[in-house]
Amino acid sequence: MAIIITDECINCGACEPECPNNAIYEGGAEWRLSDGTSLKGAQTTTSGAQMDADADQEHVDMDVYYISTDKCTECKGFHDEPQCAAVCPVDCCVDNPDAEETEEELLAKKEYLHVA
């Protein structure tokens, strides 16, 4: 499943540079599917959402850092564990119960995001 950042976040920003998918954004910031990926133009995400990869998407949280579920792979294919959780000083990067995905689904998302 994807990772979420809880309201206990202290906005330290330690997680953001660790994400291999550029899925972590500062609270209030808009996100793009193309940020840190090879995606451009019209896309259908692995969750079935249709969007322009280069278009700004609405922020998920206004007050704390957040993770774009469409881009989070729990670091599968890159690392043995989610790097945001590994570096978080307050343990606020946790499994998202609303975005359950198998390891195969997460690896497929990683391949989708980083097409050569």
N, C-alpha and C. Protein backbone atom coordinates (compact mmCIF):
# COMPACT_ATOMS: atom_id res chain seq x y z
N MET A 1 0.83 -1.19 0.00
CA MET A 1 0.00 0.00 0.00
C MET A 1 0.87 1.24 0.00
N ALA A 2 0.35 2.32 -0.47
CA ALA A 2 1.10 3.58 -0.46
C ALA A 2 1.28 4.05 0.98
N ILE A 3 2.16 5.00 1.13
CA ILE A 3 2.45 5.58 2.45
C ILE A 3 1.73 6.93 2.54
N ILE A 4 1.31 7.29 3.74
CA ILE A 4 0.77 8.62 4.01
C ILE A 4 1.61 9.26 5.10
N ILE A 5 1.51 10.58 5.17
CA ILE A 5 2.16 11.33 6.24
C ILE A 5 1.05 11.84 7.14
N THR A 6 1.15 11.51 8.41
CA THR A 6 0.10 11.88 9.37
C THR A 6 0.24 13.32 9.84
N ASP A 7 -0.77 13.78 10.55
CA ASP A 7 -0.78 15.15 11.08
C ASP A 7 0.30 15.39 12.12
N GLU A 8 0.97 14.33 12.57
CA GLU A 8 2.06 14.49 13.54
C GLU A 8 3.33 15.04 12.87
N CYS A 9 3.31 15.19 11.55
CA CYS A 9 4.45 15.71 10.79
C CYS A 9 4.89 17.05 11.37
N ILE A 10 6.21 17.21 11.54
CA ILE A 10 6.75 18.47 12.07
C ILE A 10 7.33 19.35 10.95
N ASN A 11 7.06 18.97 9.70
CA ASN A 11 7.50 19.74 8.54
C ASN A 11 9.01 19.92 8.47
N CYS A 12 9.74 18.89 8.87
CA CYS A 12 11.21 18.99 8.84
C CYS A 12 11.75 18.84 7.42
N GLY A 13 10.99 18.16 6.54
CA GLY A 13 11.40 17.99 5.16
C GLY A 13 12.41 16.89 4.91
N ALA A 14 12.73 16.10 5.91
CA ALA A 14 13.74 15.04 5.74
C ALA A 14 13.31 14.00 4.70
N CYS A 15 12.03 13.77 4.58
CA CYS A 15 11.50 12.73 3.70
C CYS A 15 11.58 13.11 2.22
N GLU A 16 11.34 14.35 1.91
CA GLU A 16 11.18 14.78 0.51
C GLU A 16 12.35 14.38 -0.40
N PRO A 17 13.60 14.67 -0.05
CA PRO A 17 14.70 14.30 -0.96
C PRO A 17 14.98 12.80 -1.03
N GLU A 18 14.43 12.03 -0.11
CA GLU A 18 14.68 10.59 -0.08
C GLU A 18 13.80 9.80 -1.05
N CYS A 19 12.71 10.40 -1.52
CA CYS A 19 11.74 9.69 -2.35
C CYS A 19 12.25 9.51 -3.78
N PRO A 20 12.41 8.26 -4.23
CA PRO A 20 12.92 8.04 -5.60
C PRO A 20 11.89 8.36 -6.68
N ASN A 21 10.64 8.57 -6.30
CA ASN A 21 9.58 8.88 -7.25
C ASN A 21 9.15 10.34 -7.22
N ASN A 22 9.79 11.15 -6.41
CA ASN A 22 9.38 12.54 -6.22
C ASN A 22 7.89 12.62 -5.91
N ALA A 23 7.44 11.75 -4.99
CA ALA A 23 6.03 11.68 -4.64
C ALA A 23 5.69 12.51 -3.40
N ILE A 24 6.69 13.11 -2.77
CA ILE A 24 6.47 13.85 -1.52
C ILE A 24 6.55 15.35 -1.80
N TYR A 25 5.53 16.06 -1.30
CA TYR A 25 5.44 17.50 -1.53
C TYR A 25 5.17 18.23 -0.23
N GLU A 26 5.63 19.47 -0.18
CA GLU A 26 5.38 20.32 0.98
C GLU A 26 3.90 20.67 1.03
N GLY A 27 3.35 20.79 2.21
CA GLY A 27 1.95 21.15 2.37
C GLY A 27 1.59 22.38 1.57
N GLY A 28 0.47 22.32 0.86
CA GLY A 28 0.00 23.44 0.05
C GLY A 28 0.56 23.47 -1.36
N ALA A 29 1.61 22.71 -1.62
CA ALA A 29 2.21 22.70 -2.96
C ALA A 29 1.41 21.80 -3.89
N GLU A 30 1.25 22.26 -5.13
CA GLU A 30 0.62 21.41 -6.15
C GLU A 30 1.64 20.38 -6.60
N TRP A 31 1.15 19.27 -7.14
CA TRP A 31 2.05 18.21 -7.60
C TRP A 31 1.77 17.90 -9.06
N ARG A 32 2.77 17.28 -9.72
CA ARG A 32 2.65 16.85 -11.11
C ARG A 32 3.11 15.41 -11.24
N LEU A 33 2.42 14.65 -12.03
CA LEU A 33 2.81 13.27 -12.29
C LEU A 33 4.19 13.22 -12.95
N SER A 34 4.54 14.23 -13.71
CA SER A 34 5.81 14.25 -14.43
C SER A 34 7.01 14.55 -13.53
N ASP A 35 6.79 15.13 -12.34
CA ASP A 35 7.91 15.47 -11.45
C ASP A 35 8.72 14.23 -11.11
N GLY A 36 9.97 14.18 -11.55
CA GLY A 36 10.85 13.07 -11.20
C GLY A 36 10.54 11.76 -11.88
N THR A 37 9.67 11.78 -12.89
CA THR A 37 9.33 10.56 -13.62
C THR A 37 9.60 10.77 -15.11
N SER A 38 9.38 9.75 -15.91
CA SER A 38 9.57 9.89 -17.36
C SER A 38 8.26 10.17 -18.07
N LEU A 39 7.19 10.45 -17.32
CA LEU A 39 5.87 10.63 -17.92
C LEU A 39 5.67 12.04 -18.46
N LYS A 40 5.03 12.11 -19.62
CA LYS A 40 4.70 13.39 -20.25
C LYS A 40 3.33 13.26 -20.89
N GLY A 41 2.62 14.37 -21.00
CA GLY A 41 1.35 14.40 -21.72
C GLY A 41 0.24 13.61 -21.05
N ALA A 42 -0.77 13.25 -21.85
CA ALA A 42 -1.95 12.54 -21.34
C ALA A 42 -1.55 11.16 -20.82
N GLN A 43 -2.01 10.83 -19.62
CA GLN A 43 -1.68 9.56 -18.98
C GLN A 43 -2.90 8.96 -18.31
N THR A 44 -2.92 7.64 -18.23
CA THR A 44 -3.86 6.92 -17.38
C THR A 44 -3.01 6.24 -16.33
N THR A 45 -3.17 6.62 -15.08
CA THR A 45 -2.33 6.08 -14.01
C THR A 45 -2.68 4.63 -13.74
N THR A 46 -1.86 3.97 -12.96
CA THR A 46 -2.11 2.58 -12.61
C THR A 46 -3.39 2.42 -11.78
N SER A 47 -3.87 3.52 -11.19
CA SER A 47 -5.13 3.47 -10.44
C SER A 47 -6.33 3.78 -11.34
N GLY A 48 -6.06 4.08 -12.62
CA GLY A 48 -7.12 4.35 -13.58
C GLY A 48 -7.46 5.82 -13.75
N ALA A 49 -6.81 6.69 -13.01
CA ALA A 49 -7.07 8.13 -13.14
C ALA A 49 -6.47 8.65 -14.45
N GLN A 50 -7.19 9.55 -15.10
CA GLN A 50 -6.69 10.16 -16.33
C GLN A 50 -6.26 11.58 -16.00
N MET A 51 -5.06 11.93 -16.43
CA MET A 51 -4.54 13.28 -16.16
C MET A 51 -3.43 13.61 -17.13
N ASP A 52 -3.17 14.88 -17.24
CA ASP A 52 -2.02 15.38 -17.99
C ASP A 52 -0.84 15.33 -17.03
N ALA A 53 0.19 14.59 -17.38
CA ALA A 53 1.34 14.41 -16.49
C ALA A 53 2.01 15.73 -16.14
N ASP A 54 1.91 16.72 -17.01
CA ASP A 54 2.58 17.99 -16.80
C ASP A 54 1.69 19.03 -16.11
N ALA A 55 0.42 18.71 -15.89
CA ALA A 55 -0.50 19.66 -15.28
C ALA A 55 -0.41 19.63 -13.76
N ASP A 56 -0.57 20.79 -13.16
CA ASP A 56 -0.60 20.88 -11.70
C ASP A 56 -1.83 20.17 -11.18
N GLN A 57 -1.63 19.38 -10.13
CA GLN A 57 -2.72 18.68 -9.45
C GLN A 57 -2.91 19.32 -8.08
N GLU A 58 -4.11 19.26 -7.59
CA GLU A 58 -4.45 19.86 -6.29
C GLU A 58 -3.62 19.24 -5.17
N HIS A 59 -3.16 20.07 -4.25
CA HIS A 59 -2.42 19.57 -3.08
C HIS A 59 -3.31 18.63 -2.27
N VAL A 60 -2.69 17.68 -1.60
CA VAL A 60 -3.42 16.71 -0.78
C VAL A 60 -3.60 17.23 0.63
N ASP A 61 -2.64 18.00 1.10
CA ASP A 61 -2.70 18.56 2.45
C ASP A 61 -2.18 19.98 2.40
N MET A 62 -2.75 20.84 3.19
CA MET A 62 -2.34 22.24 3.20
C MET A 62 -1.28 22.51 4.26
N ASP A 63 -1.30 21.73 5.36
CA ASP A 63 -0.49 22.07 6.52
C ASP A 63 0.81 21.29 6.68
N VAL A 64 0.84 20.05 6.21
CA VAL A 64 2.02 19.21 6.39
C VAL A 64 2.42 18.59 5.06
N TYR A 65 3.64 18.06 5.01
CA TYR A 65 4.08 17.35 3.82
C TYR A 65 3.08 16.24 3.52
N TYR A 66 2.97 15.88 2.24
CA TYR A 66 2.05 14.82 1.85
C TYR A 66 2.67 13.99 0.73
N ILE A 67 2.10 12.81 0.50
CA ILE A 67 2.59 11.89 -0.52
C ILE A 67 1.49 11.69 -1.56
N SER A 68 1.86 11.83 -2.83
CA SER A 68 0.92 11.55 -3.91
C SER A 68 0.79 10.04 -4.05
N THR A 69 -0.39 9.53 -3.78
CA THR A 69 -0.65 8.09 -3.87
C THR A 69 -0.37 7.56 -5.27
N ASP A 70 -0.64 8.37 -6.29
CA ASP A 70 -0.41 7.94 -7.67
C ASP A 70 1.06 7.74 -7.98
N LYS A 71 1.95 8.26 -7.14
CA LYS A 71 3.39 8.13 -7.39
C LYS A 71 4.13 7.29 -6.36
N CYS A 72 3.50 6.98 -5.23
CA CYS A 72 4.18 6.22 -4.17
C CYS A 72 4.23 4.74 -4.50
N THR A 73 5.44 4.18 -4.45
CA THR A 73 5.64 2.74 -4.67
C THR A 73 6.23 2.07 -3.44
N GLU A 74 6.21 2.76 -2.31
CA GLU A 74 6.85 2.27 -1.08
C GLU A 74 8.33 1.97 -1.32
N CYS A 75 8.91 2.61 -2.31
CA CYS A 75 10.31 2.45 -2.70
C CYS A 75 10.61 1.07 -3.30
N LYS A 76 9.57 0.30 -3.64
CA LYS A 76 9.78 -1.02 -4.26
C LYS A 76 10.55 -0.83 -5.56
N GLY A 77 11.53 -1.68 -5.77
CA GLY A 77 12.37 -1.57 -6.95
C GLY A 77 13.55 -0.64 -6.77
N PHE A 78 13.58 0.08 -5.67
CA PHE A 78 14.67 1.01 -5.36
C PHE A 78 15.38 0.63 -4.06
N HIS A 79 14.59 0.41 -3.00
CA HIS A 79 15.13 0.17 -1.66
C HIS A 79 14.35 -0.96 -0.98
N ASP A 80 14.90 -1.47 0.10
CA ASP A 80 14.25 -2.55 0.85
C ASP A 80 13.10 -2.07 1.73
N GLU A 81 13.05 -0.78 2.03
CA GLU A 81 12.01 -0.22 2.87
C GLU A 81 11.70 1.20 2.41
N PRO A 82 10.52 1.71 2.73
CA PRO A 82 10.19 3.10 2.37
C PRO A 82 11.19 4.06 3.02
N GLN A 83 11.84 4.85 2.21
CA GLN A 83 12.87 5.74 2.71
C GLN A 83 12.31 6.90 3.52
N CYS A 84 11.09 7.34 3.21
CA CYS A 84 10.49 8.42 4.00
C CYS A 84 10.33 7.97 5.45
N ALA A 85 9.85 6.74 5.64
CA ALA A 85 9.66 6.22 6.99
C ALA A 85 11.00 6.00 7.69
N ALA A 86 12.01 5.61 6.92
CA ALA A 86 13.32 5.35 7.51
C ALA A 86 13.97 6.61 8.07
N VAL A 87 13.72 7.77 7.44
CA VAL A 87 14.37 9.00 7.89
C VAL A 87 13.49 9.89 8.75
N CYS A 88 12.22 9.58 8.87
CA CYS A 88 11.29 10.43 9.62
C CYS A 88 11.61 10.42 11.12
N PRO A 89 11.89 11.59 11.69
CA PRO A 89 12.25 11.62 13.11
C PRO A 89 11.06 11.43 14.06
N VAL A 90 9.83 11.54 13.55
CA VAL A 90 8.66 11.40 14.42
C VAL A 90 7.75 10.25 14.00
N ASP A 91 8.23 9.39 13.11
CA ASP A 91 7.49 8.20 12.67
C ASP A 91 6.08 8.51 12.18
N CYS A 92 5.95 9.55 11.34
CA CYS A 92 4.62 9.89 10.83
C CYS A 92 4.39 9.42 9.40
N CYS A 93 5.34 8.70 8.81
CA CYS A 93 5.16 8.10 7.49
C CYS A 93 4.72 6.66 7.70
N VAL A 94 3.44 6.40 7.45
CA VAL A 94 2.84 5.11 7.78
C VAL A 94 2.06 4.56 6.59
N ASP A 95 1.71 3.28 6.64
CA ASP A 95 0.91 2.66 5.59
C ASP A 95 -0.43 3.38 5.46
N ASN A 96 -0.87 3.55 4.23
CA ASN A 96 -2.15 4.18 3.95
C ASN A 96 -3.20 3.09 3.78
N PRO A 97 -4.09 2.91 4.75
CA PRO A 97 -5.08 1.83 4.65
C PRO A 97 -6.08 2.04 3.52
N ASP A 98 -6.16 3.25 2.98
CA ASP A 98 -7.08 3.52 1.88
C ASP A 98 -6.44 3.29 0.50
N ALA A 99 -5.19 2.86 0.48
CA ALA A 99 -4.49 2.65 -0.79
C ALA A 99 -3.69 1.34 -0.74
N GLU A 100 -4.39 0.24 -0.51
CA GLU A 100 -3.74 -1.06 -0.43
C GLU A 100 -3.33 -1.54 -1.82
N GLU A 101 -2.06 -1.93 -1.95
CA GLU A 101 -1.52 -2.45 -3.20
C GLU A 101 -0.58 -3.60 -2.89
N THR A 102 -0.55 -4.58 -3.78
CA THR A 102 0.37 -5.70 -3.61
C THR A 102 1.77 -5.28 -4.05
N GLU A 103 2.74 -6.11 -3.72
CA GLU A 103 4.11 -5.83 -4.16
C GLU A 103 4.17 -5.79 -5.68
N GLU A 104 3.44 -6.68 -6.35
CA GLU A 104 3.42 -6.70 -7.81
C GLU A 104 2.84 -5.40 -8.37
N GLU A 105 1.78 -4.90 -7.74
CA GLU A 105 1.17 -3.64 -8.19
C GLU A 105 2.14 -2.47 -7.98
N LEU A 106 2.85 -2.46 -6.86
CA LEU A 106 3.80 -1.39 -6.59
C LEU A 106 4.97 -1.43 -7.57
N LEU A 107 5.45 -2.63 -7.90
CA LEU A 107 6.53 -2.75 -8.88
C LEU A 107 6.05 -2.34 -10.27
N ALA A 108 4.81 -2.66 -10.61
CA ALA A 108 4.25 -2.24 -11.90
C ALA A 108 4.14 -0.71 -11.95
N LYS A 109 3.76 -0.10 -10.83
CA LYS A 109 3.67 1.37 -10.78
C LYS A 109 5.06 1.99 -10.96
N LYS A 110 6.06 1.38 -10.34
CA LYS A 110 7.44 1.86 -10.49
C LYS A 110 7.86 1.83 -11.95
N GLU A 111 7.56 0.72 -12.64
CA GLU A 111 7.90 0.60 -14.07
C GLU A 111 7.13 1.63 -14.89
N TYR A 112 5.88 1.86 -14.57
CA TYR A 112 5.05 2.85 -15.27
C TYR A 112 5.64 4.24 -15.13
N LEU A 113 6.05 4.60 -13.91
CA LEU A 113 6.58 5.94 -13.64
C LEU A 113 7.94 6.19 -14.28
N HIS A 114 8.71 5.13 -14.46
CA HIS A 114 10.10 5.30 -14.91
C HIS A 114 10.39 4.53 -16.18
N VAL A 115 9.52 4.70 -17.18
CA VAL A 115 9.72 4.06 -18.49
C VAL A 115 10.98 4.63 -19.11
N ALA A 116 11.79 3.74 -19.64
CA ALA A 116 13.06 4.20 -20.26
C ALA A 116 12.82 4.81 -21.61
